[in-house]
Amino acid sequence: MDIASEFAQMNLGDRRLNERVVELIESLSRQPIVSINAACSGLAGTTAAYRYFVNIKVTPEKLLEPHWAATFERIKGQPVVL
């Protein structure tokens, strides 16, 4: 999965927030079992991640929306999906 293409349709009402989600998910997915602090490589990255999570424009539903859409596109042509 290419994270940038997966979240290309992200619309949080702010281009910077839309772009930041890709950087954040890439950092977190590289080391999924470590803390946010460890995954974000230092204080600046950690602070940015936490500020991202508490932004009122960023909701779990809005973060998952483009992922759901991309998933539905991938499974459209499949005869069986488990």
N, C-alpha and C. Protein backbone atom coordinates (compact mmCIF):
# COMPACT_ATOMS: atom_id res chain seq x y z
N MET A 1 0.84 -1.17 0.00
CA MET A 1 0.00 0.00 0.00
C MET A 1 0.89 1.24 0.00
N ASP A 2 0.59 2.15 -0.88
CA ASP A 2 1.27 3.43 -0.92
C ASP A 2 0.43 4.41 -0.10
N ILE A 3 0.98 4.88 0.99
CA ILE A 3 0.24 5.72 1.92
C ILE A 3 -0.21 7.02 1.26
N ALA A 4 0.65 7.62 0.46
CA ALA A 4 0.30 8.88 -0.20
C ALA A 4 -0.92 8.71 -1.11
N SER A 5 -0.96 7.63 -1.87
CA SER A 5 -2.12 7.43 -2.76
C SER A 5 -3.35 7.01 -1.96
N GLU A 6 -3.15 6.28 -0.89
CA GLU A 6 -4.26 5.86 -0.04
C GLU A 6 -4.99 7.07 0.55
N PHE A 7 -4.23 8.09 0.90
CA PHE A 7 -4.81 9.27 1.54
C PHE A 7 -4.86 10.48 0.61
N ALA A 8 -4.76 10.26 -0.68
CA ALA A 8 -4.77 11.37 -1.65
C ALA A 8 -6.07 12.17 -1.60
N GLN A 9 -7.17 11.52 -1.26
CA GLN A 9 -8.47 12.20 -1.21
C GLN A 9 -8.80 12.79 0.16
N MET A 10 -7.84 12.80 1.07
CA MET A 10 -8.05 13.33 2.41
C MET A 10 -8.51 14.78 2.30
N ASN A 11 -9.55 15.13 3.05
CA ASN A 11 -10.02 16.51 3.05
C ASN A 11 -10.39 16.91 4.47
N LEU A 12 -9.44 17.52 5.15
CA LEU A 12 -9.68 17.99 6.51
C LEU A 12 -9.92 19.50 6.53
N GLY A 13 -10.06 20.09 5.35
CA GLY A 13 -10.30 21.52 5.27
C GLY A 13 -9.04 22.37 5.35
N ASP A 14 -7.87 21.73 5.35
CA ASP A 14 -6.61 22.44 5.43
C ASP A 14 -5.55 21.58 4.73
N ARG A 15 -4.96 22.10 3.68
CA ARG A 15 -3.99 21.36 2.89
C ARG A 15 -2.85 20.82 3.75
N ARG A 16 -2.41 21.63 4.72
CA ARG A 16 -1.29 21.21 5.58
C ARG A 16 -1.66 19.99 6.42
N LEU A 17 -2.88 19.97 6.93
CA LEU A 17 -3.34 18.80 7.70
C LEU A 17 -3.43 17.58 6.81
N ASN A 18 -3.91 17.78 5.57
CA ASN A 18 -4.02 16.66 4.63
C ASN A 18 -2.65 16.07 4.32
N GLU A 19 -1.65 16.92 4.15
CA GLU A 19 -0.30 16.45 3.84
C GLU A 19 0.38 15.83 5.07
N ARG A 20 0.12 16.39 6.22
CA ARG A 20 0.77 15.92 7.45
C ARG A 20 0.36 14.49 7.79
N VAL A 21 -0.87 14.10 7.45
CA VAL A 21 -1.31 12.75 7.80
C VAL A 21 -0.43 11.70 7.14
N VAL A 22 0.03 11.96 5.92
CA VAL A 22 0.88 10.99 5.23
C VAL A 22 2.21 10.84 5.97
N GLU A 23 2.82 11.96 6.34
CA GLU A 23 4.09 11.91 7.08
C GLU A 23 3.91 11.18 8.41
N LEU A 24 2.83 11.49 9.09
CA LEU A 24 2.58 10.89 10.40
C LEU A 24 2.34 9.38 10.29
N ILE A 25 1.54 8.96 9.35
CA ILE A 25 1.25 7.53 9.18
C ILE A 25 2.51 6.79 8.76
N GLU A 26 3.32 7.40 7.90
CA GLU A 26 4.57 6.75 7.51
C GLU A 26 5.48 6.55 8.72
N SER A 27 5.59 7.57 9.56
CA SER A 27 6.43 7.45 10.77
C SER A 27 5.91 6.37 11.70
N LEU A 28 4.62 6.38 11.94
CA LEU A 28 4.03 5.40 12.87
C LEU A 28 4.04 3.98 12.31
N SER A 29 3.90 3.84 11.00
CA SER A 29 3.85 2.49 10.42
C SER A 29 5.23 1.84 10.30
N ARG A 30 6.28 2.65 10.30
CA ARG A 30 7.63 2.09 10.24
C ARG A 30 7.95 1.28 11.49
N GLN A 31 7.41 1.71 12.62
CA GLN A 31 7.66 1.04 13.90
C GLN A 31 6.35 0.97 14.68
N PRO A 32 5.44 0.11 14.29
CA PRO A 32 4.09 0.13 14.87
C PRO A 32 4.00 -0.24 16.35
N ILE A 33 5.05 -0.83 16.92
CA ILE A 33 4.94 -1.22 18.33
C ILE A 33 5.64 -0.28 19.29
N VAL A 34 6.25 0.78 18.75
CA VAL A 34 6.94 1.72 19.64
C VAL A 34 6.01 2.89 19.99
N SER A 35 6.42 3.67 20.97
CA SER A 35 5.63 4.83 21.38
C SER A 35 5.62 5.89 20.28
N ILE A 36 4.70 6.82 20.40
CA ILE A 36 4.65 7.92 19.44
C ILE A 36 5.96 8.70 19.50
N ASN A 37 6.47 8.90 20.68
CA ASN A 37 7.73 9.62 20.84
C ASN A 37 8.85 8.93 20.07
N ALA A 38 8.97 7.63 20.20
CA ALA A 38 10.02 6.89 19.50
C ALA A 38 9.79 6.88 17.99
N ALA A 39 8.55 6.73 17.57
CA ALA A 39 8.24 6.68 16.14
C ALA A 39 8.45 8.02 15.46
N CYS A 40 8.24 9.10 16.19
CA CYS A 40 8.33 10.43 15.59
C CYS A 40 9.71 11.06 15.73
N SER A 41 10.64 10.33 16.25
CA SER A 41 12.05 10.74 16.30
C SER A 41 12.30 12.09 16.95
N GLY A 42 11.90 12.22 18.17
CA GLY A 42 12.28 13.42 18.91
C GLY A 42 11.11 14.30 19.31
N LEU A 43 11.47 15.35 20.03
CA LEU A 43 10.47 16.24 20.61
C LEU A 43 9.64 16.98 19.56
N ALA A 44 10.26 17.50 18.52
CA ALA A 44 9.53 18.26 17.51
C ALA A 44 8.49 17.39 16.81
N GLY A 45 8.89 16.19 16.40
CA GLY A 45 7.96 15.29 15.73
C GLY A 45 6.85 14.82 16.64
N THR A 46 7.20 14.54 17.89
CA THR A 46 6.20 14.10 18.87
C THR A 46 5.19 15.21 19.15
N THR A 47 5.69 16.42 19.35
CA THR A 47 4.81 17.56 19.60
C THR A 47 3.87 17.78 18.42
N ALA A 48 4.41 17.69 17.21
CA ALA A 48 3.58 17.86 16.01
C ALA A 48 2.51 16.77 15.92
N ALA A 49 2.88 15.55 16.26
CA ALA A 49 1.91 14.44 16.22
C ALA A 49 0.78 14.67 17.21
N TYR A 50 1.11 15.03 18.42
CA TYR A 50 0.07 15.25 19.42
C TYR A 50 -0.79 16.45 19.07
N ARG A 51 -0.19 17.50 18.52
CA ARG A 51 -1.00 18.65 18.08
C ARG A 51 -1.94 18.25 16.95
N TYR A 52 -1.47 17.35 16.11
CA TYR A 52 -2.31 16.86 15.01
C TYR A 52 -3.52 16.11 15.57
N PHE A 53 -3.27 15.23 16.52
CA PHE A 53 -4.34 14.40 17.09
C PHE A 53 -5.40 15.21 17.83
N VAL A 54 -5.02 16.34 18.43
CA VAL A 54 -5.99 17.13 19.18
C VAL A 54 -6.65 18.22 18.34
N ASN A 55 -6.26 18.35 17.09
CA ASN A 55 -6.87 19.34 16.21
C ASN A 55 -8.34 18.98 15.99
N ILE A 56 -9.24 19.94 16.16
CA ILE A 56 -10.67 19.63 16.06
C ILE A 56 -11.10 19.24 14.64
N LYS A 57 -10.28 19.58 13.65
CA LYS A 57 -10.60 19.18 12.27
C LYS A 57 -10.26 17.72 11.99
N VAL A 58 -9.43 17.14 12.85
CA VAL A 58 -8.98 15.77 12.65
C VAL A 58 -9.82 14.85 13.53
N THR A 59 -10.64 14.03 12.89
CA THR A 59 -11.47 13.08 13.62
C THR A 59 -11.16 11.67 13.11
N PRO A 60 -11.43 10.66 13.93
CA PRO A 60 -11.20 9.29 13.45
C PRO A 60 -11.96 8.99 12.16
N GLU A 61 -13.18 9.48 12.07
CA GLU A 61 -13.99 9.22 10.87
C GLU A 61 -13.35 9.85 9.63
N LYS A 62 -12.88 11.08 9.76
CA LYS A 62 -12.25 11.76 8.62
C LYS A 62 -10.93 11.11 8.24
N LEU A 63 -10.20 10.60 9.23
CA LEU A 63 -8.95 9.92 8.93
C LEU A 63 -9.19 8.59 8.22
N LEU A 64 -10.26 7.91 8.59
CA LEU A 64 -10.54 6.60 8.00
C LEU A 64 -11.28 6.67 6.67
N GLU A 65 -11.95 7.79 6.40
CA GLU A 65 -12.75 7.93 5.18
C GLU A 65 -11.99 7.59 3.89
N PRO A 66 -10.81 8.18 3.64
CA PRO A 66 -10.11 7.84 2.39
C PRO A 66 -9.61 6.39 2.38
N HIS A 67 -9.29 5.86 3.54
CA HIS A 67 -8.86 4.46 3.63
C HIS A 67 -10.02 3.53 3.26
N TRP A 68 -11.21 3.83 3.80
CA TRP A 68 -12.38 3.02 3.45
C TRP A 68 -12.67 3.09 1.96
N ALA A 69 -12.63 4.28 1.39
CA ALA A 69 -12.89 4.45 -0.05
C ALA A 69 -11.89 3.66 -0.88
N ALA A 70 -10.60 3.74 -0.52
CA ALA A 70 -9.57 3.00 -1.26
C ALA A 70 -9.76 1.49 -1.10
N THR A 71 -10.16 1.06 0.08
CA THR A 71 -10.40 -0.37 0.31
C THR A 71 -11.56 -0.86 -0.54
N PHE A 72 -12.64 -0.10 -0.58
CA PHE A 72 -13.79 -0.49 -1.41
C PHE A 72 -13.41 -0.55 -2.88
N GLU A 73 -12.57 0.36 -3.35
CA GLU A 73 -12.11 0.33 -4.73
C GLU A 73 -11.29 -0.93 -5.00
N ARG A 74 -10.42 -1.31 -4.06
CA ARG A 74 -9.60 -2.50 -4.25
C ARG A 74 -10.42 -3.78 -4.30
N ILE A 75 -11.51 -3.83 -3.54
CA ILE A 75 -12.27 -5.09 -3.48
C ILE A 75 -13.42 -5.16 -4.49
N LYS A 76 -13.68 -4.08 -5.19
CA LYS A 76 -14.79 -4.06 -6.16
C LYS A 76 -14.76 -5.23 -7.14
N GLY A 77 -13.60 -5.48 -7.71
CA GLY A 77 -13.50 -6.50 -8.74
C GLY A 77 -13.28 -7.91 -8.24
N GLN A 78 -13.30 -8.11 -6.94
CA GLN A 78 -13.03 -9.43 -6.39
C GLN A 78 -14.33 -10.22 -6.24
N PRO A 79 -14.33 -11.47 -6.61
CA PRO A 79 -15.55 -12.28 -6.50
C PRO A 79 -15.91 -12.58 -5.05
N VAL A 80 -14.91 -12.73 -4.19
CA VAL A 80 -15.17 -13.03 -2.78
C VAL A 80 -14.22 -12.20 -1.92
N VAL A 81 -14.76 -11.60 -0.90
CA VAL A 81 -13.95 -10.83 0.05
C VAL A 81 -14.28 -11.32 1.44
N LEU A 82 -13.27 -11.75 2.15
CA LEU A 82 -13.48 -12.26 3.51
C LEU A 82 -13.12 -11.22 4.52
